Amino acid sequence: MKPEYRRKNKIMEQKLLLSQLATDTLKGLSSNRKYLLSKYFYDDQGSRIFQDIMNMPEYYLTDCEHEIFSFQKEEITGAICDDFLGFNLVELGSGDGMKTKILLKHLVEKSIHFQYMPVDISAKANNELVESLKSEIPDLQVEAKIGDYFRKLKDLNGHASIPKIILFLGSNIGNFSDSETEAFLHQLSAYTNSGDKVLIGFDLKKSPKTIMDAYNDPHGHTRRFNLNHLVRLNRELDSDFNVGQFEQHTVYDPKTGDVKSYLVSKSEQKVHIGALEQDFHFRQWETIFMERSRKFDLPTIEKLAEKS
């Protein structure tokens, strides 16, 4: 593809993403119970803040997955490669690829024929990942994909002759509601072919204190992460959110396994969103639901697998 065509395609993708951001923001803030979609956390700045979150000692998820890949890489390799001569390893929401690099290095050392395809909504995160892989695993074949998971999976599904191994890590599946989880898994099924495989990271229920320490951290990273969503709306949708007039609040329900994050309006206020040409009214202490991070038990995971 010629460079000028690649630039045009990138601009079109950016316009489509902005249009979807505006549509989703309008729907969320017009709801009786206001909400914003967590997938828009991950602009370049949001991705940087999330790296800070993952590096916190309280954020156990990173260490857990790192440990699994470190000690189970041989078993994982056997499970995904036992009957393949070659495959595409597609990671949805690749981020910095820190834990995935353990598996990638192992596969390369085993001389297994595959191509790694990190898919991320953040161009900056993906570009930095590709650069780090060039120096750390120079023999690795990499083809980064920037954009929405399922748009990219749909494109890849046209190459039915090349098997896919799809990774969805970081317990990102916990961000979905029950209906969204089922829809996600069914979409995943629709964009796979017979013989493709999926590896998903589920965070299991554990001590409520451990969970709250990870999601309501004393360093303020989670607060910055949530408020950055408003900063992004100010920048990309010409909004005038006064970020200082919102505070972050997190709750955990050990029965359902739901961790829920909110932004709370500290005063009665009006926010104008230029791209929507619309004002939104906030009552004092009114909430914006920002994110769900669900914790699972094994029977629930098994039921999800059966349904999908």
Protein backbone atom coordinates (compact mmCIF):
# COMPACT_ATOMS: atom_id res chain seq x y z
CA MET A 1 0.00 0.00 0.00
CA LYS A 2 1.35 3.44 -0.93
CA PRO A 3 2.20 5.84 1.94
CA GLU A 4 -0.45 8.38 0.93
CA TYR A 5 -3.16 5.70 1.03
CA ARG A 6 -1.98 4.53 4.45
CA ARG A 7 -2.20 8.12 5.74
CA LYS A 8 -5.73 8.52 4.34
CA ASN A 9 -6.85 5.24 5.93
CA LYS A 10 -5.41 6.31 9.29
CA ILE A 11 -7.23 9.66 9.12
CA MET A 12 -10.49 7.88 8.26
CA GLU A 13 -10.05 5.53 11.24
CA GLN A 14 -9.40 8.48 13.56
CA LYS A 15 -12.54 10.28 12.31
CA LEU A 16 -14.61 7.13 12.78
CA LEU A 17 -13.27 6.71 16.32
CA LEU A 18 -14.02 10.34 17.19
CA SER A 19 -17.54 10.01 15.83
CA GLN A 20 -18.10 6.89 17.93
CA LEU A 21 -16.67 8.63 21.01
CA ALA A 22 -19.14 11.48 20.54
CA THR A 23 -22.06 9.08 20.02
CA ASP A 24 -21.20 6.98 23.07
CA THR A 25 -20.65 10.06 25.24
CA LEU A 26 -24.03 11.50 24.25
CA LYS A 27 -25.77 8.21 25.05
CA GLY A 28 -23.98 7.79 28.38
CA LEU A 29 -24.46 11.31 29.72
CA SER A 30 -28.10 11.41 28.55
CA SER A 31 -28.93 8.29 30.54
CA ASN A 32 -30.91 8.53 33.78
CA ARG A 33 -27.86 7.05 35.47
CA LYS A 34 -24.96 8.73 33.74
CA TYR A 35 -22.07 6.58 32.51
CA LEU A 36 -19.01 6.69 30.26
CA LEU A 37 -17.50 3.70 28.48
CA SER A 38 -14.26 2.36 29.93
CA LYS A 39 -12.81 1.53 26.50
CA TYR A 40 -12.12 5.27 26.06
CA PHE A 41 -9.80 5.33 29.08
CA TYR A 42 -6.94 4.27 26.86
CA ASP A 43 -5.81 7.30 24.93
CA ASP A 44 -2.06 7.89 25.04
CA GLN A 45 -2.13 9.61 28.44
CA GLY A 46 -4.56 7.03 29.84
CA SER A 47 -2.26 4.23 28.69
CA ARG A 48 0.65 5.91 30.48
CA ILE A 49 -1.34 6.23 33.71
CA PHE A 50 -2.40 2.60 33.46
CA GLN A 51 1.28 1.62 33.30
CA ASP A 52 1.66 3.41 36.65
CA ILE A 53 -1.30 1.42 38.01
CA MET A 54 0.18 -1.88 36.86
CA ASN A 55 3.50 -1.03 38.52
CA MET A 56 1.90 -0.47 41.94
CA PRO A 57 2.67 -3.17 44.54
CA GLU A 58 -1.04 -3.21 45.43
CA TYR A 59 -2.08 -4.05 41.85
CA TYR A 60 -1.72 -7.82 42.19
CA LEU A 61 -3.12 -8.66 38.74
CA THR A 62 0.10 -7.86 36.89
CA ASP A 63 2.23 -10.03 39.19
CA CYS A 64 -0.28 -12.89 39.02
CA GLU A 65 -0.28 -13.05 35.22
CA HIS A 66 3.48 -12.58 35.12
CA GLU A 67 3.83 -15.56 37.47
CA ILE A 68 1.47 -17.71 35.38
CA PHE A 69 3.38 -17.02 32.17
CA SER A 70 6.73 -17.52 33.90
CA PHE A 71 5.91 -20.89 35.44
CA GLN A 72 3.34 -22.25 32.99
CA LYS A 73 4.81 -21.16 29.66
CA GLU A 74 5.65 -24.72 28.66
CA GLU A 75 2.10 -25.93 29.34
CA ILE A 76 0.59 -22.90 27.57
CA THR A 77 2.86 -23.49 24.58
CA GLY A 78 1.80 -27.13 24.41
CA ALA A 79 -1.88 -26.20 24.59
CA ILE A 80 -1.75 -23.66 21.75
CA CYS A 81 0.83 -25.25 19.46
CA ASP A 82 0.27 -28.99 19.60
CA ASP A 83 -1.29 -29.31 16.16
CA PHE A 84 -0.21 -26.14 14.30
CA LEU A 85 2.54 -25.73 11.74
CA GLY A 86 2.13 -21.95 11.98
CA PHE A 87 -0.36 -19.44 13.34
CA ASN A 88 -1.14 -15.80 14.07
CA LEU A 89 -0.94 -14.92 17.77
CA VAL A 90 -3.46 -12.09 18.14
CA GLU A 91 -3.50 -10.16 21.41
CA LEU A 92 -6.52 -7.94 22.08
CA GLY A 93 -5.56 -4.89 24.15
CA SER A 94 -1.83 -5.61 24.10
CA GLY A 95 -0.66 -2.52 26.05
CA ASP A 96 3.05 -2.75 26.86
CA GLY A 97 3.04 -6.54 26.31
CA MET A 98 5.12 -7.07 29.47
CA LYS A 99 3.75 -10.47 30.47
CA THR A 100 3.13 -11.58 26.89
CA LYS A 101 6.85 -11.14 26.13
CA ILE A 102 7.57 -14.11 28.38
CA LEU A 103 5.48 -16.35 26.13
CA LEU A 104 6.76 -14.70 22.94
CA LYS A 105 10.39 -15.29 23.91
CA HIS A 106 9.64 -18.91 24.75
CA LEU A 107 7.90 -19.52 21.41
CA VAL A 108 10.79 -17.96 19.49
CA GLU A 109 13.35 -20.01 21.45
CA LYS A 110 11.36 -23.14 20.53
CA SER A 111 11.59 -22.13 16.83
CA ILE A 112 7.80 -22.18 16.56
CA HIS A 113 6.54 -20.54 13.38
CA PHE A 114 4.08 -17.74 14.19
CA GLN A 115 3.39 -14.03 13.76
CA TYR A 116 2.49 -11.81 16.70
CA MET A 117 -0.34 -9.34 16.08
CA PRO A 118 -0.89 -6.92 18.98
CA VAL A 119 -4.21 -5.06 18.68
CA ASP A 120 -4.61 -1.88 20.73
CA ILE A 121 -6.70 1.27 20.48
CA SER A 122 -3.68 3.39 21.45
CA ALA A 123 -1.30 3.99 18.54
CA LYS A 124 1.38 5.22 20.94
CA ALA A 125 1.21 2.10 23.12
CA ASN A 126 1.37 -0.16 20.08
CA ASN A 127 4.26 1.72 18.49
CA GLU A 128 6.25 1.58 21.74
CA LEU A 129 5.53 -2.15 22.03
CA VAL A 130 6.75 -2.81 18.49
CA GLU A 131 9.96 -0.86 19.12
CA SER A 132 10.67 -2.72 22.35
CA LEU A 133 10.07 -6.08 20.66
CA LYS A 134 12.54 -5.23 17.91
CA SER A 135 15.31 -4.87 20.48
CA GLU A 136 14.23 -7.58 22.95
CA ILE A 137 13.11 -10.31 20.52
CA PRO A 138 14.65 -9.39 17.14
CA ASP A 139 13.65 -12.71 15.49
CA LEU A 140 9.96 -12.18 16.26
CA GLN A 141 7.62 -11.41 13.36
CA VAL A 142 5.30 -8.57 14.41
CA GLU A 143 2.37 -6.92 12.63
CA ALA A 144 0.66 -4.40 14.90
CA LYS A 145 -3.01 -3.52 14.46
CA ILE A 146 -4.37 -0.21 15.78
CA GLY A 147 -8.10 0.11 16.40
CA ASP A 148 -11.18 -1.76 17.59
CA TYR A 149 -10.79 -5.45 18.48
CA PHE A 150 -13.56 -6.82 16.34
CA ARG A 151 -12.94 -4.70 13.27
CA LYS A 152 -9.42 -6.11 13.22
CA LEU A 153 -10.54 -9.66 13.98
CA LYS A 154 -13.08 -9.47 11.18
CA ASP A 155 -10.31 -8.55 8.74
CA LEU A 156 -8.13 -11.41 10.00
CA ASN A 157 -10.95 -13.91 9.78
CA GLY A 158 -10.79 -13.67 6.00
CA HIS A 159 -7.48 -15.56 6.14
CA ALA A 160 -9.10 -18.83 7.21
CA SER A 161 -6.09 -20.90 6.15
CA ILE A 162 -3.95 -19.37 8.94
CA PRO A 163 -5.05 -20.50 12.44
CA LYS A 164 -5.47 -17.83 15.14
CA ILE A 165 -4.54 -17.96 18.79
CA ILE A 166 -6.34 -15.07 20.48
CA LEU A 167 -5.12 -13.66 23.80
CA PHE A 168 -7.36 -11.49 25.99
CA LEU A 169 -5.41 -10.89 29.19
CA GLY A 170 -5.27 -8.51 32.16
CA SER A 171 -8.73 -9.62 33.34
CA ASN A 172 -10.14 -7.12 30.84
CA ILE A 173 -13.17 -9.35 30.47
CA GLY A 174 -14.12 -8.22 33.97
CA ASN A 175 -14.88 -4.74 32.58
CA PHE A 176 -18.02 -6.02 30.84
CA SER A 177 -21.56 -6.36 32.18
CA ASP A 178 -23.12 -9.85 32.11
CA SER A 179 -24.80 -9.20 28.77
CA GLU A 180 -21.64 -7.58 27.35
CA THR A 181 -19.54 -10.56 28.48
CA GLU A 182 -21.81 -12.99 26.65
CA ALA A 183 -21.94 -10.73 23.60
CA PHE A 184 -18.15 -10.41 23.60
CA LEU A 185 -17.63 -14.17 23.74
CA HIS A 186 -20.21 -14.77 21.01
CA GLN A 187 -18.54 -12.13 18.82
CA LEU A 188 -15.22 -13.79 19.50
CA SER A 189 -16.75 -17.07 18.38
CA ALA A 190 -18.14 -15.43 15.22
CA TYR A 191 -14.70 -14.14 14.21
CA THR A 192 -12.90 -17.43 14.72
CA ASN A 193 -12.72 -20.54 12.59
CA SER A 194 -12.73 -24.19 13.57
CA GLY A 195 -9.42 -24.96 15.26
CA ASP A 196 -8.69 -21.40 16.42
CA LYS A 197 -8.00 -21.08 20.15
CA VAL A 198 -8.62 -18.43 22.80
CA LEU A 199 -6.72 -17.74 26.04
CA ILE A 200 -8.55 -15.40 28.45
CA GLY A 201 -7.35 -14.06 31.80
CA PHE A 202 -10.06 -14.10 34.51
CA ASP A 203 -9.40 -12.56 37.93
CA LEU A 204 -10.82 -14.79 40.68
CA LYS A 205 -12.65 -13.65 43.82
CA LYS A 206 -10.38 -13.09 46.83
CA SER A 207 -10.06 -10.98 49.99
CA PRO A 208 -12.09 -7.76 49.63
CA LYS A 209 -9.23 -5.81 51.22
CA THR A 210 -6.77 -7.07 48.60
CA ILE A 211 -9.16 -6.03 45.85
CA MET A 212 -9.93 -2.59 47.31
CA ASP A 213 -6.22 -1.84 47.79
CA ALA A 214 -5.70 -2.53 44.08
CA TYR A 215 -8.62 -0.44 42.81
CA ASN A 216 -8.66 2.41 45.32
CA ASP A 217 -4.92 2.93 45.56
CA PRO A 218 -3.26 5.34 47.99
CA HIS A 219 -1.01 6.74 45.24
CA GLY A 220 -3.89 8.39 43.36
CA HIS A 221 -3.19 6.67 40.05
CA THR A 222 -6.74 5.27 39.78
CA ARG A 223 -8.15 8.74 40.45
CA ARG A 224 -5.97 10.23 37.68
CA PHE A 225 -6.95 7.39 35.35
CA ASN A 226 -10.68 8.10 35.78
CA LEU A 227 -10.33 11.88 35.59
CA ASN A 228 -8.24 11.60 32.42
CA HIS A 229 -11.41 10.43 30.67
CA LEU A 230 -12.86 13.90 31.27
CA VAL A 231 -9.61 15.50 30.10
CA ARG A 232 -9.91 13.50 26.89
CA LEU A 233 -13.49 14.70 26.36
CA ASN A 234 -12.34 18.29 26.88
CA ARG A 235 -9.65 17.83 24.25
CA GLU A 236 -11.42 15.72 21.65
CA LEU A 237 -15.06 16.80 22.02
CA ASP A 238 -14.51 20.46 22.96
CA SER A 239 -16.00 19.96 26.44
CA ASP A 240 -15.51 22.18 29.47
CA PHE A 241 -15.43 19.68 32.34
CA ASN A 242 -13.91 21.23 35.46
CA VAL A 243 -11.91 18.17 36.50
CA GLY A 244 -11.38 19.59 40.00
CA GLN A 245 -15.15 19.42 40.59
CA PHE A 246 -15.22 15.62 40.33
CA GLU A 247 -13.87 13.00 42.73
CA GLN A 248 -13.33 9.28 42.21
CA HIS A 249 -15.13 6.63 44.28
CA THR A 250 -14.77 2.81 44.23
CA VAL A 251 -16.93 0.08 45.82
CA TYR A 252 -16.65 -3.73 45.91
CA ASP A 253 -19.47 -6.28 46.36
CA PRO A 254 -17.94 -9.62 47.44
CA LYS A 255 -21.18 -11.48 46.61
CA THR A 256 -21.35 -10.49 42.95
CA GLY A 257 -17.61 -9.94 42.56
CA ASP A 258 -18.22 -6.46 41.14
CA VAL A 259 -15.72 -3.64 41.62
CA LYS A 260 -17.39 -0.43 40.42
CA SER A 261 -15.71 2.93 39.87
CA TYR A 262 -17.53 6.25 39.74
CA LEU A 263 -16.79 9.90 39.29
CA VAL A 264 -18.88 12.02 41.66
CA SER A 265 -19.85 15.65 40.98
CA LYS A 266 -18.80 17.72 44.01
CA SER A 267 -21.19 20.54 43.14
CA GLU A 268 -24.23 21.31 41.03
CA GLN A 269 -22.81 22.22 37.65
CA LYS A 270 -23.36 22.41 33.92
CA VAL A 271 -20.97 20.97 31.34
CA HIS A 272 -21.02 22.00 27.69
CA ILE A 273 -19.81 19.58 25.02
CA GLY A 274 -19.06 21.54 21.86
CA ALA A 275 -18.92 18.55 19.50
CA LEU A 276 -22.46 17.62 20.57
CA GLU A 277 -23.66 21.24 20.83
CA GLN A 278 -25.31 20.28 24.08
CA ASP A 279 -25.22 21.05 27.82
CA PHE A 280 -25.37 18.38 30.53
CA HIS A 281 -26.55 19.14 34.07
CA PHE A 282 -25.00 17.47 37.11
CA ARG A 283 -26.58 17.54 40.57
CA GLN A 284 -24.30 17.77 43.58
CA TRP A 285 -23.01 14.23 44.40
CA GLU A 286 -24.47 12.82 41.20
CA THR A 287 -22.39 9.93 39.86
CA ILE A 288 -20.95 8.95 36.49
CA PHE A 289 -20.42 5.20 36.31
CA MET A 290 -16.95 4.70 34.83
CA GLU A 291 -15.89 1.08 35.03
CA ARG A 292 -16.74 -2.38 36.25
CA SER A 293 -13.98 -4.83 37.16
CA ARG A 294 -15.68 -8.13 37.91
CA LYS A 295 -14.09 -10.99 39.85
CA PHE A 296 -15.13 -14.52 38.90
CA ASP A 297 -15.43 -17.99 40.41
CA LEU A 298 -14.69 -21.18 38.49
CA PRO A 299 -18.34 -22.37 38.05
CA THR A 300 -19.22 -19.01 36.44
CA ILE A 301 -16.29 -19.28 34.03
CA GLU A 302 -17.33 -22.81 33.05
CA LYS A 303 -20.91 -21.67 32.37
CA LEU A 304 -19.67 -18.81 30.17
CA ALA A 305 -17.56 -21.26 28.17
CA GLU A 306 -20.50 -23.60 27.66
CA LYS A 307 -22.81 -20.79 26.50
CA SER A 308 -20.24 -19.55 24.02
